[in-house]
Amino acid sequence: MSIRERKWKGSDGKPRRAWIYDFTITFPDGSSSGRIRGTYDGPGGRREAEAHERQVMASVLAGTWRAPVPEAQPVVTLVTIAKQYVEKLRDDLAVEKRGHRDLDEVICFVDGHLTRYFADAPVGSVDAEAVERFKVHLARDGRKPGSGFAPKTVFNHMSMTRRILAFAVVKKHIAAVPMIDWPKLTEPPPRFYSFEEADRLIVAGDEEPFWGSMIRTALRCGLRIGELRAAQWECVDFRSGLLHVTRAITKVRGAGQGGKTEEHVTVPKNGKTRSVPMPPSVVAALRDHPRRVGSPWVWPGEDGSWLRENAVKHPMWRACRRAGLAEDGWHICRHTFASHLVQRGVHLLEVQALAGHSNYKSTLRYAHVAPSRHAASVALLDQPAPSDDGPAAELAR
């Protein structure tokens, strides 16, 4: 008997076992049956596999044996891989490795763009040329025929495409991620309030004390609106003067009944917590800010829970109008926070830590607001040469 055992793990991670037979029969006239190979994965063990092999040998000798036609393997499509990747993100979310925001963006991309474009295309057919065509489609007709996405959105969508293809590599469906020609990005500098405009907005916000303290905290501590809405009193440390940013409120598409979008409290963007020093004006504003009995939230909604997204837009607009400013969203306060720090001479690395930027490139967008600092740095070159006992000489030694 030629039976040998083969063990492996399936795609679901569970152990598998089968019995392999491999033999050649020489007939009385000297002719050969050729190599006969097959697999037995039925019930039982070696004894049953050997019995199956004897049946195959008997049928070969009788001339009735026909090689089994292998079952067609199901085609694995890119959309199937994308949906598996979404489930992986859900699992990561369960252990707080990713925020809901990232999951929501991927679901929207997979359902709204990837599925419509690639449909039933096998993942193995998605090469560099196919990815390039998809990129062109997003740029020209992403929103609707004749109306494409901005370069930044195309860049984000291609980044998600690459992550899905990298997941396909991990699952051994493709050998490598196709090369991507990334869109060129020329982001405009962020818009922010001047020092005088920010002061006007704070004064205008104080006419509604509940919202005034929130506007002041946004301008002076640089929190995102989801982080402001998720702020709890236990995170406000008056003794040390620190505001601990440990939560954020984000939307999750399809999490509610009937697949509706639902809000959840999760970790801040990029999964990073941070502690921001509160200037005295913010400390004073929060000390005077009334607390709602039974609610842990610094700025609770009418029902005592966190503020809903649709509740924060109009108060900001009202404050802008009273300050004589154009109606803006809350994020301009974050841009103002970072820009004012740079204008005050704070190092960009310090700004990165205070703002919670995961990528230094995000902080570099604010470098243009302090050209005087660059001039002062270059002016140092006209000063007399340092002495031999200076820091440079010490480093050289």
Protein backbone atom coordinates (compact mmCIF):
# COMPACT_ATOMS: atom_id res chain seq x y z
CA MET A 1 0.00 0.00 0.00
CA SER A 2 1.18 3.50 -0.84
CA ILE A 3 -1.01 5.31 1.66
CA ARG A 4 0.54 8.25 3.48
CA GLU A 5 -1.06 10.81 5.76
CA ARG A 6 -1.16 14.55 5.10
CA LYS A 7 -2.04 17.15 7.73
CA TRP A 8 -2.54 20.91 7.33
CA LYS A 9 -4.60 23.84 8.56
CA GLY A 10 -7.52 25.16 6.56
CA SER A 11 -8.23 28.82 5.79
CA ASP A 12 -10.37 28.90 8.94
CA GLY A 13 -7.39 27.82 11.04
CA LYS A 14 -8.84 24.40 11.85
CA PRO A 15 -6.71 21.25 11.42
CA ARG A 16 -7.35 19.11 8.33
CA ARG A 17 -6.29 15.54 7.46
CA ALA A 18 -6.37 13.41 4.32
CA TRP A 19 -4.75 10.21 3.01
CA ILE A 20 -2.74 10.25 -0.21
CA TYR A 21 -2.31 7.20 -2.46
CA ASP A 22 0.22 7.09 -5.30
CA PHE A 23 0.91 3.90 -7.30
CA THR A 24 1.55 2.43 -10.76
CA ILE A 25 0.24 -0.94 -12.02
CA THR A 26 2.04 -3.00 -14.65
CA PHE A 27 -0.33 -5.22 -16.65
CA PRO A 28 0.53 -8.83 -17.77
CA ASP A 29 1.27 -7.62 -21.30
CA GLY A 30 3.92 -5.29 -19.93
CA SER A 31 1.96 -2.09 -20.38
CA SER A 32 1.59 0.36 -17.53
CA SER A 33 -1.41 2.08 -16.04
CA GLY A 34 0.60 5.22 -15.56
CA ARG A 35 0.83 7.01 -12.31
CA ILE A 36 -2.39 6.88 -10.30
CA ARG A 37 -2.68 9.52 -7.59
CA GLY A 38 -5.59 10.46 -5.42
CA THR A 39 -6.82 11.54 -2.01
CA TYR A 40 -9.11 9.89 0.50
CA ASP A 41 -10.67 12.30 3.00
CA GLY A 42 -13.68 10.22 3.99
CA PRO A 43 -14.56 8.84 7.42
CA GLY A 44 -12.20 6.62 9.34
CA GLY A 45 -8.44 6.43 9.31
CA ARG A 46 -5.60 4.54 7.62
CA ARG A 47 -7.52 1.25 7.39
CA GLU A 48 -10.40 2.86 5.50
CA ALA A 49 -7.95 4.75 3.27
CA GLU A 50 -6.17 1.50 2.37
CA ALA A 51 -9.53 -0.12 1.57
CA HIS A 52 -10.31 2.77 -0.76
CA GLU A 53 -6.92 2.35 -2.47
CA ARG A 54 -7.62 -1.38 -3.06
CA GLN A 55 -10.94 -0.46 -4.69
CA VAL A 56 -9.14 1.96 -6.99
CA MET A 57 -6.55 -0.72 -7.90
CA ALA A 58 -9.30 -3.21 -8.65
CA SER A 59 -11.09 -0.77 -10.93
CA VAL A 60 -7.81 0.00 -12.73
CA LEU A 61 -7.21 -3.72 -13.33
CA ALA A 62 -10.80 -4.15 -14.54
CA GLY A 63 -10.42 -1.17 -16.90
CA THR A 64 -13.31 0.70 -15.34
CA TRP A 65 -11.34 3.32 -13.45
CA ARG A 66 -11.69 6.94 -14.47
CA ALA A 67 -9.62 9.71 -12.95
CA PRO A 68 -11.83 11.87 -10.73
CA VAL A 69 -12.51 15.34 -12.06
CA PRO A 70 -11.30 17.84 -9.47
CA GLU A 71 -13.94 20.12 -8.06
CA ALA A 72 -13.82 23.65 -9.35
CA GLN A 73 -12.42 25.94 -6.69
CA PRO A 74 -14.63 28.92 -5.84
CA VAL A 75 -13.36 32.18 -7.29
CA VAL A 76 -12.23 34.59 -4.58
CA THR A 77 -13.18 38.11 -5.59
CA LEU A 78 -11.67 41.37 -4.42
CA VAL A 79 -15.04 42.29 -2.90
CA THR A 80 -15.01 39.06 -0.84
CA ILE A 81 -11.55 39.93 0.47
CA ALA A 82 -12.72 43.49 1.23
CA LYS A 83 -15.65 42.21 3.30
CA GLN A 84 -13.33 39.88 5.20
CA TYR A 85 -11.07 42.86 5.85
CA VAL A 86 -14.04 44.80 7.25
CA GLU A 87 -14.71 41.94 9.67
CA LYS A 88 -11.06 42.04 10.71
CA LEU A 89 -11.44 45.73 11.49
CA ARG A 90 -14.50 44.93 13.60
CA ASP A 91 -12.43 42.42 15.57
CA ASP A 92 -9.65 44.99 15.99
CA LEU A 93 -12.22 47.48 17.21
CA ALA A 94 -13.36 45.05 19.90
CA VAL A 95 -9.93 45.35 21.50
CA GLU A 96 -9.69 49.12 20.75
CA LYS A 97 -6.98 48.84 18.15
CA ARG A 98 -8.91 51.08 15.75
CA GLY A 99 -11.52 53.75 16.06
CA HIS A 100 -15.07 53.46 14.77
CA ARG A 101 -14.29 56.29 12.37
CA ASP A 102 -11.80 54.18 10.45
CA LEU A 103 -14.24 51.27 10.25
CA ASP A 104 -17.03 53.55 9.05
CA GLU A 105 -14.84 55.01 6.30
CA VAL A 106 -13.77 51.57 5.08
CA ILE A 107 -17.38 50.29 5.02
CA CYS A 108 -18.51 53.33 3.03
CA PHE A 109 -15.64 52.85 0.59
CA VAL A 110 -16.21 49.10 0.13
CA ASP A 111 -19.98 49.36 -0.26
CA GLY A 112 -20.08 52.59 -2.21
CA HIS A 113 -17.11 52.36 -4.58
CA LEU A 114 -15.07 49.16 -4.53
CA THR A 115 -18.08 46.84 -4.92
CA ARG A 116 -19.67 48.88 -7.69
CA TYR A 117 -16.45 49.10 -9.71
CA PHE A 118 -14.86 45.67 -9.30
CA ALA A 119 -18.10 43.65 -8.86
CA ASP A 120 -17.15 39.96 -9.36
CA ALA A 121 -13.53 40.53 -10.45
CA PRO A 122 -11.23 37.81 -9.02
CA VAL A 123 -8.66 39.23 -6.65
CA GLY A 124 -5.90 37.66 -8.75
CA SER A 125 -6.95 39.75 -11.76
CA VAL A 126 -6.50 43.06 -9.90
CA ASP A 127 -3.06 44.07 -11.13
CA ALA A 128 -1.32 47.46 -11.26
CA GLU A 129 -3.19 48.37 -14.46
CA ALA A 130 -6.58 47.58 -12.90
CA VAL A 131 -5.72 49.65 -9.82
CA GLU A 132 -4.67 52.56 -12.04
CA ARG A 133 -7.98 52.39 -13.94
CA PHE A 134 -9.82 52.44 -10.62
CA LYS A 135 -7.86 55.50 -9.53
CA VAL A 136 -8.73 57.31 -12.76
CA HIS A 137 -12.40 56.35 -12.29
CA LEU A 138 -12.42 57.83 -8.78
CA ALA A 139 -10.82 61.05 -10.03
CA ARG A 140 -13.21 61.45 -12.99
CA ASP A 141 -16.49 59.79 -12.02
CA GLY A 142 -16.18 58.93 -8.31
CA ARG A 143 -19.13 61.00 -7.13
CA LYS A 144 -21.23 60.56 -10.25
CA PRO A 145 -20.54 60.45 -13.99
CA GLY A 146 -18.48 63.49 -14.85
CA SER A 147 -17.86 64.46 -11.23
CA GLY A 148 -14.81 62.99 -9.49
CA PHE A 149 -13.26 63.19 -6.06
CA ALA A 150 -10.62 65.64 -4.91
CA PRO A 151 -7.00 64.38 -4.98
CA LYS A 152 -6.95 63.97 -1.18
CA THR A 153 -10.06 61.75 -1.27
CA VAL A 154 -8.63 59.71 -4.16
CA PHE A 155 -5.43 59.30 -2.13
CA ASN A 156 -7.41 58.07 0.89
CA HIS A 157 -9.38 55.62 -1.26
CA MET A 158 -6.24 54.26 -2.84
CA SER A 159 -4.75 53.84 0.61
CA MET A 160 -7.75 51.72 1.63
CA THR A 161 -7.43 49.73 -1.60
CA ARG A 162 -3.82 48.98 -0.77
CA ARG A 163 -4.72 47.86 2.75
CA ILE A 164 -7.32 45.45 1.34
CA LEU A 165 -4.83 44.06 -1.19
CA ALA A 166 -2.22 43.68 1.57
CA PHE A 167 -4.80 41.67 3.50
CA ALA A 168 -5.22 39.45 0.41
CA VAL A 169 -1.45 38.84 0.48
CA VAL A 170 -1.66 37.79 4.14
CA LYS A 171 -4.45 35.36 3.23
CA LYS A 172 -2.25 33.99 0.40
CA HIS A 173 -4.73 34.86 -2.36
CA ILE A 174 -2.14 36.95 -4.21
CA ALA A 175 1.65 36.99 -4.07
CA ALA A 176 2.24 40.74 -3.74
CA VAL A 177 0.43 44.06 -3.64
CA PRO A 178 0.29 45.68 -7.10
CA MET A 179 2.29 48.88 -7.49
CA ILE A 180 0.22 52.03 -7.02
CA ASP A 181 0.96 55.39 -8.65
CA TRP A 182 -0.11 57.64 -5.78
CA PRO A 183 -1.96 60.88 -6.59
CA LYS A 184 0.05 64.05 -6.08
CA LEU A 185 -1.33 66.10 -3.20
CA THR A 186 -1.10 69.86 -2.87
CA GLU A 187 -3.08 70.60 0.28
CA PRO A 188 -3.91 74.26 0.89
CA PRO A 189 -2.73 75.60 4.26
CA PRO A 190 -5.34 75.26 7.01
CA ARG A 191 -7.57 78.24 7.64
CA PHE A 192 -7.50 79.70 11.16
CA TYR A 193 -8.57 82.72 13.17
CA SER A 194 -6.21 85.58 13.92
CA PHE A 195 -5.51 86.33 17.58
CA GLU A 196 -8.01 89.18 17.50
CA GLU A 197 -10.71 87.06 15.80
CA ALA A 198 -10.22 84.24 18.31
CA ASP A 199 -10.63 86.68 21.21
CA ARG A 200 -13.82 88.03 19.61
CA LEU A 201 -15.19 84.51 19.25
CA ILE A 202 -14.47 83.74 22.92
CA VAL A 203 -16.27 86.91 24.04
CA ALA A 204 -19.22 86.13 21.76
CA GLY A 205 -19.34 82.54 23.00
CA ASP A 206 -19.49 83.63 26.63
CA GLU A 207 -22.95 85.11 25.96
CA GLU A 208 -24.09 81.48 26.12
CA PRO A 209 -22.00 80.20 29.07
CA PHE A 210 -22.59 76.49 28.34
CA TRP A 211 -21.21 76.85 24.83
CA GLY A 212 -18.72 79.55 25.75
CA SER A 213 -16.65 77.19 27.88
CA MET A 214 -16.69 74.63 25.07
CA ILE A 215 -15.53 77.17 22.48
CA ARG A 216 -12.79 78.41 24.83
CA THR A 217 -11.57 74.85 25.43
CA ALA A 218 -11.58 74.13 21.69
CA LEU A 219 -9.50 77.23 20.93
CA ARG A 220 -7.07 76.93 23.84
CA CYS A 221 -6.67 73.11 24.07
CA GLY A 222 -7.15 72.07 20.44
CA LEU A 223 -9.57 69.17 21.00
CA ARG A 224 -11.48 67.70 18.09
CA ILE A 225 -15.26 68.08 18.31
CA GLY A 226 -15.67 64.34 18.96
CA GLU A 227 -13.19 64.64 21.85
CA LEU A 228 -15.01 67.65 23.29
CA ARG A 229 -18.34 65.85 23.17
CA ALA A 230 -16.79 62.81 24.87
CA ALA A 231 -15.05 64.80 27.66
CA GLN A 232 -15.95 63.62 31.16
CA TRP A 233 -15.29 65.34 34.48
CA GLU A 234 -12.98 62.54 35.59
CA CYS A 235 -10.62 63.61 32.77
CA VAL A 236 -10.44 67.23 33.99
CA ASP A 237 -7.59 67.38 36.52
CA PHE A 238 -7.75 70.79 38.17
CA ARG A 239 -4.87 69.95 40.52
CA SER A 240 -2.35 69.31 37.73
CA GLY A 241 -4.05 71.58 35.22
CA LEU A 242 -4.29 68.78 32.66
CA LEU A 243 -7.16 67.77 30.41
CA HIS A 244 -6.81 64.05 29.65
CA VAL A 245 -8.12 63.20 26.17
CA THR A 246 -9.02 59.51 26.43
CA ARG A 247 -12.29 59.28 24.50
CA ALA A 248 -13.95 60.44 21.31
CA ILE A 249 -17.41 60.07 19.84
CA THR A 250 -17.51 58.75 16.30
CA LYS A 251 -20.16 57.47 13.91
CA VAL A 252 -20.42 53.84 12.87
CA ARG A 253 -22.27 53.14 9.65
CA GLY A 254 -24.66 50.20 9.84
CA ALA A 255 -24.35 49.72 13.60
CA GLY A 256 -27.93 50.67 14.45
CA GLN A 257 -31.21 48.95 13.73
CA GLY A 258 -31.92 48.61 10.04
CA GLY A 259 -28.32 49.41 9.18
CA LYS A 260 -28.59 53.02 10.36
CA THR A 261 -25.58 55.07 11.37
CA GLU A 262 -25.01 55.10 15.11
CA GLU A 263 -22.65 57.03 17.39
CA HIS A 264 -20.26 55.31 19.77
CA VAL A 265 -17.76 56.36 22.42
CA THR A 266 -14.34 55.01 21.50
CA VAL A 267 -10.66 55.93 21.70
CA PRO A 268 -9.48 59.18 20.05
CA LYS A 269 -8.48 59.29 16.41
CA ASN A 270 -5.52 57.02 15.59
CA GLY A 271 -6.07 55.24 18.91
CA LYS A 272 -3.85 57.71 20.79
CA THR A 273 -4.69 59.28 24.12
CA ARG A 274 -2.95 62.45 25.30
CA SER A 275 -2.93 64.99 28.11
CA VAL A 276 -3.22 68.69 27.24
CA PRO A 277 -2.25 71.43 29.73
CA MET A 278 -5.15 73.81 30.36
CA PRO A 279 -4.30 77.51 30.37
CA PRO A 280 -5.65 79.46 33.38
CA SER A 281 -8.55 80.85 31.34
CA VAL A 282 -9.79 77.33 30.57
CA VAL A 283 -9.31 76.19 34.17
CA ALA A 284 -11.40 79.14 35.37
CA ALA A 285 -14.09 78.54 32.73
CA LEU A 286 -14.42 74.86 33.63
CA ARG A 287 -14.49 75.59 37.38
CA ASP A 288 -17.44 77.92 36.76
CA HIS A 289 -19.08 75.49 34.33
CA PRO A 290 -22.15 73.90 35.97
CA ARG A 291 -22.21 70.16 36.45
CA ARG A 292 -25.34 68.17 35.71
CA VAL A 293 -26.27 65.84 38.55
CA GLY A 294 -25.92 62.20 37.56
CA SER A 295 -24.12 62.93 34.29
CA PRO A 296 -20.37 62.28 33.84
CA TRP A 297 -20.15 64.46 30.72
CA VAL A 298 -18.64 67.95 30.86
CA TRP A 299 -21.05 69.13 28.15
CA PRO A 300 -24.08 66.81 28.39
CA GLY A 301 -27.09 66.77 26.12
CA GLU A 302 -30.62 67.50 27.26
CA ASP A 303 -31.12 63.86 28.29
CA GLY A 304 -27.91 63.78 30.33
CA SER A 305 -26.05 61.69 27.76
CA TRP A 306 -23.35 62.99 25.46
CA LEU A 307 -24.14 65.81 23.04
CA ARG A 308 -25.44 64.62 19.70
CA GLU A 309 -23.77 65.75 16.51
CA ASN A 310 -26.71 67.84 15.35
CA ALA A 311 -26.73 69.78 18.65
CA VAL A 312 -23.31 71.44 18.35
CA LYS A 313 -23.45 73.06 14.91
CA HIS A 314 -25.84 75.96 15.47
CA PRO A 315 -24.36 77.21 18.77
CA MET A 316 -21.01 77.61 17.02
CA TRP A 317 -22.66 79.45 14.14
CA ARG A 318 -24.47 81.79 16.55
CA ALA A 319 -21.18 82.67 18.25
CA CYS A 320 -19.54 83.31 14.87
CA ARG A 321 -22.33 85.68 13.85
CA ARG A 322 -22.14 87.59 17.14
CA ALA A 323 -18.35 87.90 16.68
CA GLY A 324 -18.79 89.23 13.15
CA LEU A 325 -17.18 86.13 11.62
CA ALA A 326 -18.30 83.82 8.85
CA GLU A 327 -20.16 80.72 10.06
CA ASP A 328 -17.57 78.01 10.57
CA GLY A 329 -17.41 74.53 12.00
CA TRP A 330 -15.65 73.54 15.20
CA HIS A 331 -12.52 72.25 13.45
CA ILE A 332 -11.29 75.76 12.69
CA CYS A 333 -10.74 76.13 16.44
CA ARG A 334 -8.29 73.21 16.29
CA HIS A 335 -6.45 74.81 13.36
CA THR A 336 -6.35 78.07 15.31
CA PHE A 337 -4.90 76.31 18.37
CA ALA A 338 -2.01 74.78 16.40
CA SER A 339 -1.37 77.93 14.32
CA HIS A 340 -1.24 80.20 17.37
CA LEU A 341 1.20 77.87 19.13
CA VAL A 342 3.55 77.99 16.14
CA GLN A 343 3.21 81.79 15.92
CA ARG A 344 4.14 81.98 19.61
CA GLY A 345 7.36 80.09 18.91
CA VAL A 346 6.39 76.59 20.11
CA HIS A 347 8.42 73.85 18.39
CA LEU A 348 6.53 71.79 15.82
CA LEU A 349 7.25 68.55 17.69
CA GLU A 350 5.60 70.01 20.77
CA VAL A 351 2.62 71.09 18.66
CA GLN A 352 2.38 67.56 17.28
CA ALA A 353 2.20 66.09 20.79
CA LEU A 354 -0.37 68.63 22.03
CA ALA A 355 -2.59 68.25 18.95
CA GLY A 356 -2.35 64.45 18.92
CA HIS A 357 -1.13 64.22 15.33
CA SER A 358 0.02 60.71 14.49
CA ASN A 359 1.96 61.96 11.46
CA TYR A 360 4.48 64.79 11.59
CA LYS A 361 3.36 65.84 8.10
CA SER A 362 0.03 66.92 9.60
CA THR A 363 1.87 69.33 11.89
CA LEU A 364 4.11 70.66 9.12
CA ARG A 365 1.05 72.28 7.53
CA TYR A 366 1.30 74.97 10.22
CA ALA A 367 4.98 75.80 9.65
CA HIS A 368 4.11 78.57 7.16
CA VAL A 369 2.47 80.73 9.84
CA ALA A 370 5.78 81.65 11.49
CA PRO A 371 8.08 82.98 8.72
CA SER A 372 9.70 85.36 11.24
CA ARG A 373 11.08 82.33 13.10
CA HIS A 374 12.75 81.13 9.91
CA ALA A 375 14.29 84.56 9.37
CA ALA A 376 15.59 84.61 12.94
CA SER A 377 17.10 81.16 12.50
CA VAL A 378 18.94 82.13 9.32
CA ALA A 379 20.15 85.38 10.95
CA LEU A 380 22.12 83.25 13.42
CA LEU A 381 24.54 82.46 10.59
CA ASP A 382 25.78 86.10 10.60
CA GLN A 383 26.83 85.87 14.24
CA PRO A 384 30.49 85.31 15.20
CA ALA A 385 31.74 81.75 15.02
CA PRO A 386 31.30 79.77 18.25
CA SER A 387 34.37 79.25 20.42
CA ASP A 388 36.27 75.99 20.42
CA ASP A 389 34.82 75.24 23.85
CA GLY A 390 31.24 75.55 22.64
CA PRO A 391 28.63 72.81 22.29
CA ALA A 392 29.73 71.91 18.72
CA ALA A 393 33.31 71.30 19.90
CA GLU A 394 32.05 69.20 22.76
CA LEU A 395 30.03 67.05 20.36
CA ALA A 396 33.04 66.68 18.05
CA ARG A 397 35.10 65.34 20.94
